[in-house]
Protein backbone atom coordinates (compact mmCIF):
# COMPACT_ATOMS: atom_id res chain seq x y z
CA MET A 1 9.96 41.31 -24.07
CA SER A 2 10.27 37.96 -24.22
CA GLU A 3 9.54 35.05 -21.93
CA ILE A 4 13.08 35.65 -19.91
CA THR A 5 11.50 38.93 -18.57
CA ASN A 6 9.20 37.15 -16.05
CA LEU A 7 12.65 34.78 -14.27
CA GLU A 8 14.38 35.39 -11.24
CA PRO A 9 15.66 37.72 -10.11
CA ARG A 10 13.74 39.60 -12.95
CA LEU A 11 16.48 42.74 -12.31
CA VAL A 12 19.39 40.64 -14.26
CA TRP A 13 17.19 38.64 -16.63
CA GLU A 14 15.39 42.27 -18.32
CA GLN A 15 19.00 43.70 -18.78
CA PHE A 16 20.49 39.95 -20.49
CA ASP A 17 16.66 40.50 -22.93
CA ALA A 18 17.87 43.79 -23.78
CA ILE A 19 20.91 43.16 -24.46
CA THR A 20 19.94 39.56 -26.28
CA ARG A 21 17.80 42.84 -29.03
CA ILE A 22 21.18 44.42 -30.13
CA PRO A 23 23.34 42.39 -32.71
CA ARG A 24 27.40 42.76 -31.49
CA PRO A 25 29.28 40.26 -33.39
CA SER A 26 33.17 40.50 -32.16
CA LYS A 27 34.50 43.45 -33.98
CA LYS A 28 31.47 44.86 -34.92
CA GLU A 29 30.15 46.72 -31.60
CA GLU A 30 28.61 49.87 -32.42
CA LYS A 31 25.50 49.12 -31.82
CA ILE A 32 26.32 47.35 -28.38
CA ARG A 33 28.32 50.15 -27.06
CA ALA A 34 26.06 52.76 -28.31
CA TYR A 35 23.50 50.85 -25.86
CA LEU A 36 26.10 51.14 -22.93
CA ILE A 37 26.54 54.67 -23.29
CA ASN A 38 22.66 56.02 -23.92
CA TRP A 39 22.53 53.83 -20.86
CA ALA A 40 24.49 55.28 -18.74
CA GLN A 41 23.91 59.11 -19.78
CA LYS A 42 20.05 57.28 -18.52
CA HIS A 43 20.99 56.83 -14.97
CA ALA A 44 23.26 59.70 -14.74
CA PHE A 45 26.54 57.72 -14.11
CA ALA A 46 29.66 58.49 -15.37
CA TYR A 47 31.13 57.01 -17.75
CA GLN A 48 34.91 56.81 -19.78
CA CYS A 49 35.49 55.20 -23.71
CA ASP A 50 38.70 54.84 -25.41
CA GLU A 51 40.40 54.29 -29.14
CA ILE A 52 39.38 50.41 -29.16
CA GLY A 53 36.02 51.09 -28.08
CA ASN A 54 36.02 49.87 -24.74
CA ILE A 55 33.54 51.30 -22.31
CA VAL A 56 34.13 51.64 -17.63
CA ILE A 57 30.88 53.17 -16.66
CA ARG A 58 31.42 54.13 -13.28
CA LYS A 59 29.37 54.47 -9.75
CA PRO A 60 29.67 56.05 -6.01
CA ALA A 61 29.26 53.45 -2.83
CA THR A 62 26.75 53.62 -1.50
CA ILE A 63 26.54 55.33 2.00
CA GLY A 64 28.24 53.61 4.31
CA PHE A 65 30.50 52.03 1.98
CA GLU A 66 32.52 55.35 1.38
CA ASP A 67 35.74 54.12 2.37
CA ARG A 68 35.46 50.09 0.55
CA PRO A 69 38.52 49.55 -2.07
CA THR A 70 36.63 50.06 -5.96
CA VAL A 71 35.75 46.52 -7.25
CA ILE A 72 35.98 46.64 -11.19
CA LEU A 73 33.09 44.20 -12.53
CA GLN A 74 34.73 43.39 -15.87
CA SER A 75 32.69 41.65 -18.94
CA HIS A 76 33.21 41.31 -22.98
CA MET A 77 30.47 43.35 -24.78
CA ASP A 78 31.14 40.79 -28.25
CA MET A 79 29.20 37.08 -28.60
CA VAL A 80 30.47 34.37 -31.08
CA CYS A 81 27.59 34.44 -34.12
CA GLU A 82 27.44 30.44 -35.01
CA LYS A 83 24.16 29.20 -36.32
CA ASN A 84 23.05 25.43 -37.78
CA SER A 85 23.76 25.74 -41.46
CA ASP A 86 19.58 25.08 -42.08
CA VAL A 87 18.63 28.65 -40.28
CA GLU A 88 18.38 31.97 -41.74
CA PHE A 89 20.07 34.43 -39.73
CA ASP A 90 21.72 38.08 -40.24
CA PHE A 91 23.75 38.80 -36.59
CA ASP A 92 24.59 42.48 -37.88
CA ASN A 93 21.38 42.98 -37.72
CA GLU A 94 18.30 40.75 -36.27
CA PRO A 95 17.79 39.85 -32.14
CA ILE A 96 18.76 36.54 -31.00
CA ARG A 97 15.64 34.76 -30.70
CA VAL A 98 15.46 33.84 -27.00
CA LYS A 99 13.24 30.66 -25.81
CA VAL A 100 13.02 29.15 -23.09
CA ASP A 101 13.50 25.01 -23.14
CA GLY A 102 12.55 23.32 -19.89
CA GLY A 103 15.24 24.61 -17.31
CA TRP A 104 17.41 26.13 -19.61
CA VAL A 105 17.53 30.00 -22.13
CA LYS A 106 18.31 28.86 -25.62
CA ALA A 107 18.01 30.66 -28.89
CA ASP A 108 16.22 29.19 -31.59
CA GLY A 109 19.24 27.88 -34.19
CA THR A 110 21.73 30.00 -33.10
CA THR A 111 24.31 31.12 -30.41
CA LEU A 112 22.53 32.59 -27.91
CA GLY A 113 25.05 35.05 -26.41
CA ALA A 114 25.36 34.00 -22.66
CA ASP A 115 29.06 34.25 -23.23
CA CYS A 116 29.47 37.25 -21.98
CA GLY A 117 25.91 38.65 -22.27
CA ILE A 118 24.75 36.70 -18.65
CA GLY A 119 27.70 39.29 -17.44
CA MET A 120 27.35 42.14 -18.90
CA ALA A 121 23.02 41.92 -17.60
CA ALA A 122 24.97 41.45 -13.91
CA ALA A 123 26.59 44.36 -14.04
CA LEU A 124 24.19 46.10 -14.84
CA ALA A 125 22.30 44.76 -13.25
CA ALA A 126 24.68 45.65 -10.36
CA LEU A 127 24.39 49.36 -11.11
CA ILE A 128 21.02 50.17 -10.19
CA ASP A 129 19.97 47.60 -7.72
CA PRO A 130 19.22 49.99 -5.33
CA ASP A 131 19.28 47.65 -3.05
CA MET A 132 22.65 46.44 -3.72
CA GLN A 133 25.37 47.07 -0.85
CA HIS A 134 29.36 47.96 -2.42
CA GLY A 135 31.77 50.29 -2.03
CA PRO A 136 32.93 52.18 -5.66
CA LEU A 137 31.58 50.04 -8.54
CA GLU A 138 34.25 50.17 -12.01
CA ALA A 139 32.09 48.30 -14.69
CA LEU A 140 34.58 47.97 -17.50
CA PHE A 141 33.07 46.43 -21.12
CA THR A 142 35.59 45.44 -23.50
CA VAL A 143 35.47 44.62 -27.12
CA ASP A 144 36.41 41.70 -29.55
CA GLU A 145 37.14 39.14 -26.98
CA GLU A 146 36.62 35.94 -28.66
CA THR A 147 38.29 36.89 -31.41
CA GLY A 148 41.70 38.47 -30.56
CA LEU A 149 40.98 39.56 -26.79
CA THR A 150 42.07 42.87 -28.67
CA GLY A 151 40.19 45.56 -25.98
CA ALA A 152 41.72 43.70 -23.77
CA PHE A 153 45.26 43.92 -25.51
CA GLU A 154 44.81 47.92 -25.53
CA LEU A 155 43.04 48.95 -22.62
CA GLY A 156 43.66 52.39 -22.69
CA GLU A 157 45.17 54.48 -20.28
CA GLY A 158 43.39 55.29 -17.22
CA MET A 159 40.14 53.31 -17.66
CA LEU A 160 40.79 51.18 -14.05
CA THR A 161 41.42 52.06 -10.74
CA GLY A 162 40.22 48.92 -9.02
CA LYS A 163 41.94 46.83 -6.64
CA TYR A 164 39.58 44.48 -6.90
CA LEU A 165 38.39 42.49 -10.31
CA LEU A 166 35.34 40.26 -10.82
CA ASN A 167 35.02 38.88 -14.30
CA LEU A 168 31.82 37.72 -15.02
CA ASP A 169 32.99 35.36 -18.05
CA SER A 170 32.77 31.90 -16.16
CA GLU A 171 30.25 28.59 -17.15
CA ASP A 172 30.05 26.88 -14.32
CA GLU A 173 28.08 27.47 -11.26
CA GLY A 174 29.77 26.34 -8.08
CA GLU A 175 33.20 27.11 -9.48
CA ILE A 176 35.47 29.78 -8.68
CA PHE A 177 38.54 31.02 -11.54
CA ILE A 178 41.40 31.65 -10.77
CA GLY A 179 43.33 30.69 -13.50
CA CYS A 180 42.96 30.58 -17.08
CA ALA A 181 45.75 29.17 -20.33
CA GLY A 182 47.65 31.87 -22.40
CA GLY A 183 46.82 30.93 -26.41
CA ILE A 184 48.71 31.67 -29.76
CA ASP A 185 46.21 31.14 -33.27
CA THR A 186 49.06 29.53 -36.16
CA ILE A 187 47.75 30.64 -39.40
CA ALA A 188 49.04 27.95 -42.51
CA THR A 189 48.04 29.71 -45.68
CA PHE A 190 48.82 27.69 -49.27
CA HIS A 191 48.90 28.94 -52.52
CA TYR A 192 47.08 26.62 -55.36
CA THR A 193 46.41 26.71 -58.94
CA MET A 194 43.43 25.27 -60.30
CA GLU A 195 43.99 22.78 -63.10
CA PRO A 196 40.92 21.54 -66.13
CA ALA A 197 39.55 18.51 -64.21
CA PRO A 198 40.00 15.42 -65.65
CA LYS A 199 38.43 13.53 -67.93
CA ASN A 200 36.00 10.44 -66.82
CA TYR A 201 35.69 11.15 -63.48
CA THR A 202 32.99 11.09 -61.33
CA PHE A 203 32.20 14.40 -58.66
CA PHE A 204 30.69 14.08 -55.33
CA ARG A 205 30.57 16.02 -52.40
CA VAL A 206 30.77 14.86 -49.04
CA ASP A 207 29.70 16.80 -45.91
CA VAL A 208 30.03 16.50 -42.08
CA SER A 209 27.56 17.74 -39.68
CA ASP A 210 25.36 17.93 -36.39
CA LEU A 211 28.65 17.51 -34.25
CA LEU A 212 28.67 18.82 -31.11
CA GLY A 213 31.91 21.41 -31.20
CA GLY A 214 31.95 23.72 -28.52
CA HIS A 215 34.25 26.29 -26.87
CA SER A 216 38.19 25.01 -27.91
CA GLY A 217 39.61 25.83 -24.48
CA ASP A 218 36.74 24.93 -22.10
CA ASP A 219 35.86 21.42 -24.32
CA ILE A 220 38.44 20.29 -25.64
CA ASP A 221 39.13 17.55 -23.24
CA LYS A 222 35.31 15.92 -23.75
CA GLY A 223 35.65 14.67 -27.07
CA ARG A 224 34.40 16.19 -29.71
CA VAL A 225 35.09 15.49 -32.86
CA ASN A 226 37.22 17.77 -35.34
CA SER A 227 34.62 17.86 -38.55
CA ASN A 228 37.91 19.19 -40.76
CA LYS A 229 39.72 16.08 -39.23
CA THR A 230 37.06 13.85 -40.17
CA VAL A 231 36.68 14.97 -44.33
CA ALA A 232 40.22 15.06 -44.57
CA ARG A 233 40.15 11.28 -43.31
CA LEU A 234 38.17 10.01 -45.98
CA LEU A 235 39.99 12.54 -48.56
CA TRP A 236 43.75 10.89 -47.69
CA ASP A 237 42.06 7.57 -48.34
CA GLY A 238 40.71 8.16 -51.72
CA MET A 239 43.95 10.00 -52.77
CA GLN A 240 45.82 6.14 -51.26
CA SER A 241 43.21 4.22 -54.00
CA PHE A 242 41.42 5.82 -55.99
CA GLU A 243 42.91 8.34 -57.63
CA LEU A 244 41.23 11.27 -56.15
CA LYS A 245 40.85 15.30 -57.15
CA LEU A 246 40.17 17.66 -54.66
CA SER A 247 38.53 21.18 -56.17
CA TYR A 248 36.82 23.04 -52.21
CA PHE A 249 36.94 22.25 -49.00
CA SER A 250 35.70 24.40 -46.25
CA GLY A 251 35.25 23.08 -42.86
CA GLY A 252 34.80 25.12 -39.89
CA ASN A 253 34.42 29.16 -38.72
CA LEU A 254 35.50 30.67 -36.12
CA ARG A 255 39.30 30.41 -34.21
CA ASN A 256 38.20 29.26 -30.68
CA ALA A 257 35.70 27.13 -31.75
CA ILE A 258 35.77 23.18 -32.34
CA PRO A 259 34.29 23.02 -35.53
CA ARG A 260 30.53 21.26 -36.33
CA GLU A 261 30.21 21.32 -40.25
CA ALA A 262 32.55 20.95 -42.88
CA TYR A 263 32.20 19.68 -46.41
CA ALA A 264 34.33 18.82 -49.84
CA ILE A 265 34.09 18.35 -53.06
CA PHE A 266 36.07 15.66 -55.16
CA GLY A 267 36.12 13.49 -57.99
CA ILE A 268 37.29 9.66 -58.33
CA PRO A 269 37.35 8.03 -62.04
CA GLU A 270 34.59 6.89 -63.34
CA ARG A 271 35.83 3.12 -63.33
CA TYR A 272 36.25 3.53 -59.67
CA LYS A 273 33.10 4.88 -59.02
CA THR A 274 31.41 2.07 -57.21
CA GLU A 275 33.80 -0.35 -55.61
CA PHE A 276 34.45 3.93 -53.51
CA ILE A 277 31.15 3.87 -53.05
CA LYS A 278 31.26 1.03 -51.28
CA ARG A 279 33.97 1.50 -49.33
CA TYR A 280 32.07 5.33 -48.43
CA ASN A 281 30.18 3.20 -46.55
CA LEU A 282 32.07 1.15 -44.99
CA PHE A 283 34.10 4.21 -43.69
CA ALA A 284 30.60 6.46 -42.65
CA ALA A 285 30.16 3.33 -40.60
CA ASP A 286 33.30 3.20 -38.67
CA LEU A 287 32.79 6.83 -38.31
CA GLU A 288 29.15 6.06 -36.80
CA GLN A 289 30.68 3.00 -34.67
CA GLU A 290 34.06 5.34 -33.48
CA PHE A 291 31.61 8.24 -32.28
CA ARG A 292 28.26 6.49 -30.57
CA PHE A 293 29.49 7.34 -27.64
CA CYS A 294 30.91 11.19 -28.13
CA GLU A 295 29.00 12.60 -31.37
CA PRO A 296 25.36 10.56 -30.88
CA ASN A 297 23.89 12.97 -33.95
CA PHE A 298 26.85 13.11 -35.87
CA ARG A 299 25.97 12.67 -39.96
CA ILE A 300 27.67 12.28 -43.29
CA THR A 301 26.62 12.73 -46.38
CA LEU A 302 27.75 11.64 -49.82
CA ASN A 303 26.21 12.66 -52.49
CA GLU A 304 26.97 13.10 -56.17
CA MET A 305 27.65 16.36 -58.30
CA PRO A 306 27.59 17.67 -61.43
CA GLN A 307 31.17 17.60 -63.50
CA VAL A 308 33.48 20.24 -61.93
CA ASP A 309 35.77 23.11 -64.46
CA GLU A 310 38.71 22.82 -62.38
CA VAL A 311 40.21 20.60 -59.03
CA LEU A 312 42.56 21.54 -56.97
CA ASP A 313 47.25 21.21 -58.25
CA ALA A 314 48.79 18.06 -57.28
CA GLN A 315 50.79 18.96 -55.58
CA THR A 316 48.55 21.30 -53.21
CA GLN A 317 46.54 18.88 -52.70
CA PHE A 318 48.91 16.67 -51.11
CA GLY A 319 50.33 19.49 -48.98
CA LEU A 320 47.17 20.42 -47.86
CA ILE A 321 45.24 17.11 -46.84
CA TYR A 322 47.85 15.02 -45.92
CA SER A 323 49.03 18.62 -43.47
CA LEU A 324 45.25 17.67 -41.98
CA ILE A 325 45.61 14.37 -41.04
CA GLY A 326 49.18 14.93 -39.51
CA VAL A 327 48.44 17.98 -37.09
CA PRO A 328 47.67 17.39 -33.86
CA ASN A 329 44.60 18.14 -32.19
CA GLY A 330 43.22 18.06 -28.77
CA VAL A 331 44.79 17.76 -25.54
CA ILE A 332 48.29 17.15 -25.66
CA ALA A 333 48.79 17.59 -22.03
CA MET A 334 47.26 17.24 -18.12
CA SER A 335 48.40 19.51 -16.09
CA PHE A 336 50.86 17.65 -13.51
CA ALA A 337 49.69 20.90 -10.64
CA VAL A 338 46.10 20.21 -10.88
CA SER A 339 44.21 17.68 -11.19
CA GLY A 340 41.46 17.97 -14.02
CA LEU A 341 43.31 20.48 -15.22
CA VAL A 342 43.78 20.17 -19.18
CA GLU A 343 47.47 21.76 -19.37
CA THR A 344 47.67 21.78 -23.13
CA SER A 345 45.55 21.49 -26.56
CA THR A 346 45.44 22.28 -30.21
CA ASN A 347 42.40 23.46 -32.87
CA LEU A 348 42.09 22.81 -35.75
CA ALA A 349 39.57 25.38 -36.48
CA SER A 350 38.82 26.52 -39.73
CA VAL A 351 40.05 25.91 -43.30
CA LYS A 352 38.53 27.95 -46.41
CA PHE A 353 39.23 28.78 -49.28
CA VAL A 354 39.84 32.82 -49.98
CA ASP A 355 40.03 35.46 -53.06
CA ASP A 356 43.73 35.54 -54.61
CA ASN A 357 44.14 31.50 -55.42
CA ARG A 358 44.73 30.97 -50.92
CA ILE A 359 43.73 28.28 -48.68
CA VAL A 360 44.35 29.99 -45.22
CA VAL A 361 44.05 26.88 -42.27
CA THR A 362 43.61 28.23 -38.66
CA SER A 363 44.64 26.68 -35.61
CA SER A 364 44.44 27.41 -32.07
CA GLN A 365 46.71 25.92 -29.30
CA ARG A 366 46.90 27.11 -25.29
CA SER A 367 48.82 26.00 -22.30
CA SER A 368 49.12 27.19 -18.74
CA ILE A 369 52.85 26.91 -19.25
CA GLU A 370 54.32 29.29 -21.77
CA SER A 371 57.19 27.25 -23.04
CA ALA A 372 54.25 24.14 -23.45
CA LYS A 373 52.14 27.17 -25.29
CA THR A 374 55.53 27.33 -27.50
CA TYR A 375 56.30 23.83 -28.13
CA VAL A 376 53.03 23.10 -28.63
CA MET A 377 52.50 25.94 -31.52
CA GLN A 378 56.14 24.86 -33.08
CA MET A 379 54.72 21.46 -33.38
CA VAL A 380 51.77 22.60 -35.84
CA GLU A 381 53.80 24.79 -37.76
CA SER A 382 56.34 22.33 -38.48
CA VAL A 383 53.49 19.98 -39.54
CA PHE A 384 52.14 22.89 -42.41
CA ALA A 385 55.90 24.14 -42.93
CA LEU A 386 56.79 21.33 -43.83
CA ALA A 387 53.42 20.68 -46.68
CA GLY A 388 54.46 23.84 -48.43
CA ALA A 389 52.72 26.42 -46.26
CA ASP A 390 53.89 30.29 -45.11
CA VAL A 391 52.77 30.06 -41.59
CA ALA A 392 52.58 32.86 -39.22
CA HIS A 393 51.67 33.39 -35.78
CA THR A 394 49.83 35.79 -34.17
CA ASP A 395 50.67 38.15 -30.98
CA GLY A 396 49.22 35.01 -28.66
CA TYR A 397 47.53 36.53 -25.07
CA PRO A 398 49.43 35.46 -21.58
CA GLY A 399 48.18 33.21 -19.06
CA TRP A 400 46.34 34.33 -15.96
CA THR A 401 48.71 32.46 -13.08
CA PRO A 402 46.60 31.67 -9.93
CA ASN A 403 47.25 33.42 -6.23
CA PRO A 404 45.65 31.03 -4.19
CA GLN A 405 46.21 33.55 -1.04
CA SER A 406 44.09 36.06 -2.77
CA ARG A 407 42.21 38.30 -0.03
CA LEU A 408 39.81 38.38 -3.00
CA LEU A 409 39.55 34.51 -3.19
CA GLU A 410 39.25 34.06 0.50
CA ILE A 411 36.39 36.52 0.70
CA THR A 412 34.59 35.28 -2.27
CA VAL A 413 34.77 31.76 -1.05
CA ASP A 414 33.51 32.37 2.23
CA SER A 415 30.88 34.40 0.55
CA TYR A 416 29.82 31.11 -1.40
CA LYS A 417 29.79 28.48 1.87
CA GLN A 418 27.67 31.28 3.69
CA LEU A 419 24.96 31.68 1.17
CA PHE A 420 24.74 27.86 0.08
CA GLY A 421 26.57 26.02 3.19
CA THR A 422 28.88 24.12 0.70
CA THR A 423 32.57 25.08 -0.33
CA PRO A 424 32.78 25.91 -3.63
CA LYS A 425 36.03 24.27 -5.85
CA VAL A 426 38.27 26.35 -7.22
CA ARG A 427 40.43 25.81 -9.50
CA ALA A 428 41.81 26.99 -12.74
CA ILE A 429 40.50 27.28 -16.86
CA HIS A 430 41.82 25.81 -19.87
CA ALA A 431 40.53 28.70 -22.20
CA GLY A 432 41.52 32.62 -22.47
CA LEU A 433 40.05 34.97 -20.07
CA GLU A 434 40.95 38.67 -20.27
CA CYS A 435 42.69 38.51 -17.23
CA GLY A 436 46.10 38.08 -17.51
CA LEU A 437 46.02 40.84 -19.98
CA PHE A 438 44.85 42.82 -16.98
CA LEU A 439 47.11 41.80 -14.71
CA GLU A 440 49.73 43.11 -17.78
CA LYS A 441 48.45 46.46 -17.16
CA TYR A 442 47.56 45.93 -13.48
CA PRO A 443 50.22 43.94 -12.21
CA GLU A 444 48.14 44.72 -8.22
CA LEU A 445 45.30 43.83 -8.99
CA GLU A 446 42.98 40.39 -7.12
CA MET A 447 40.97 38.74 -9.93
CA VAL A 448 38.54 36.67 -9.66
CA SER A 449 36.24 34.79 -12.10
CA PHE A 450 32.53 32.91 -11.41
CA GLY A 451 29.58 33.11 -13.07
CA PRO A 452 25.87 30.59 -13.81
CA THR A 453 25.95 27.55 -15.78
CA LEU A 454 26.39 27.46 -19.32
CA ARG A 455 26.75 24.85 -21.87
CA GLY A 456 27.49 24.16 -25.43
CA VAL A 457 29.44 27.56 -25.29
CA HIS A 458 30.33 29.10 -28.96
CA SER A 459 27.82 26.18 -30.69
CA PRO A 460 24.15 26.82 -31.54
CA ASP A 461 23.28 24.27 -28.58
CA GLU A 462 24.58 27.12 -25.87
CA ARG A 463 22.15 27.56 -23.69
CA LEU A 464 22.18 28.80 -19.92
CA GLU A 465 21.16 27.19 -16.75
CA ILE A 466 17.71 29.38 -15.46
CA ALA A 467 18.64 27.42 -11.72
CA THR A 468 22.15 28.82 -11.39
CA VAL A 469 21.45 32.12 -12.46
CA PRO A 470 19.53 33.84 -9.15
CA LYS A 471 23.20 32.16 -7.39
CA PHE A 472 25.32 34.11 -9.34
CA TRP A 473 23.29 37.37 -8.05
CA ASP A 474 23.06 36.27 -4.91
CA LEU A 475 27.02 35.55 -5.02
CA LEU A 476 28.20 38.63 -6.99
CA LYS A 477 25.93 40.68 -4.38
CA GLU A 478 27.46 39.32 -0.90
CA VAL A 479 30.77 39.43 -2.64
CA LEU A 480 30.67 43.17 -3.42
CA ARG A 481 29.12 43.60 0.50
CA CYS A 482 32.05 42.07 1.90
CA ILE A 483 34.43 43.70 0.42
């Protein structure tokens, strides 16, 4: 066990510590699913699995609470697997290297997996806490939330019987969420050919790194710089002034993360080499000034490369670079209905050269208004289509419309007030929660979402604030007691 098992509440931290030791990348939840089944069998709890891999563990009501409604405790099994480029780590096989850093729990150079490992831990702790008072419980653990909400989309018939659902996948203690954005992914594919590299060219590699990154929904309004857009800016300028030839571009990774790193390999005619380096130095200095407040650790480097053999054909290069510059990115609109809420956004998530001479550009669009989600999707598609790409979309997922009159919300707010002497914020979140999909299958559900404070989610800076975990746990216990 790691040092975090000495933290309070110990029952929750012990469950979380065990979870961090089990590899659980999205779409590779076999090991964590086996752990949950073994855990349920060990504690003699009934459980049910559906075809997609979701698990429900059931516990009867405690004595005196048999007439209470069934409550669902919901979290997801998978985690975002991101690491710093200088860190060697195998997410498929290695346990997360967890450490206490001041008032936070972090990982060593990788994502921590507190999203949603701490929610899983709280649900498991609730099932085995001998002092917990509650009606019948159903702990639902879904698969593949991070890359497609697959578990929620394909939730099996008869998995849930509860009337109330507590989603344990929020990241701000003191805030109760009653709504979320819907989303869709737009994937642009460029088909290219490679040509012999021109003679008398000098080749370079430009790297953008050490950006903050973060969650492409919850962090999209924080001014985080997009590494793909930043590299494209240099390439665009090189095309205009220096006859730049692109050989390779790679940036970003996950569809729901603001990209932190990107690089490109390109050539400049030797006669322009000195002038280009001067221009690059001015460009780098301008970016450092531009990003000095929002990205304090921003790095951009330029290194000369050996001669490359091939470069991208001119038409695809033009379409790719111009579309990366032109496609919208970031906040598109703020909500007029909920003060401070991002209504609509888009994130240019990744640019990858893949097999079969294809370049795949993945982006994600979110909105709490369905028509606005469609419109921003059309914006993104139009730019890439005009650039010559083939454009496709995922099925998307619905938002969760707030219900301010919910009895569950009233109980949760009153519980928070009684415990902590202050009123929590009630708000919606600009991120995709599974709640909207649950509501489609079980329209009578009442739902709220709450959790401890997480920061840097979906990046290697992910961290969990230790002091907020006892408050999260106490609120969960009180809500269960009062329903």
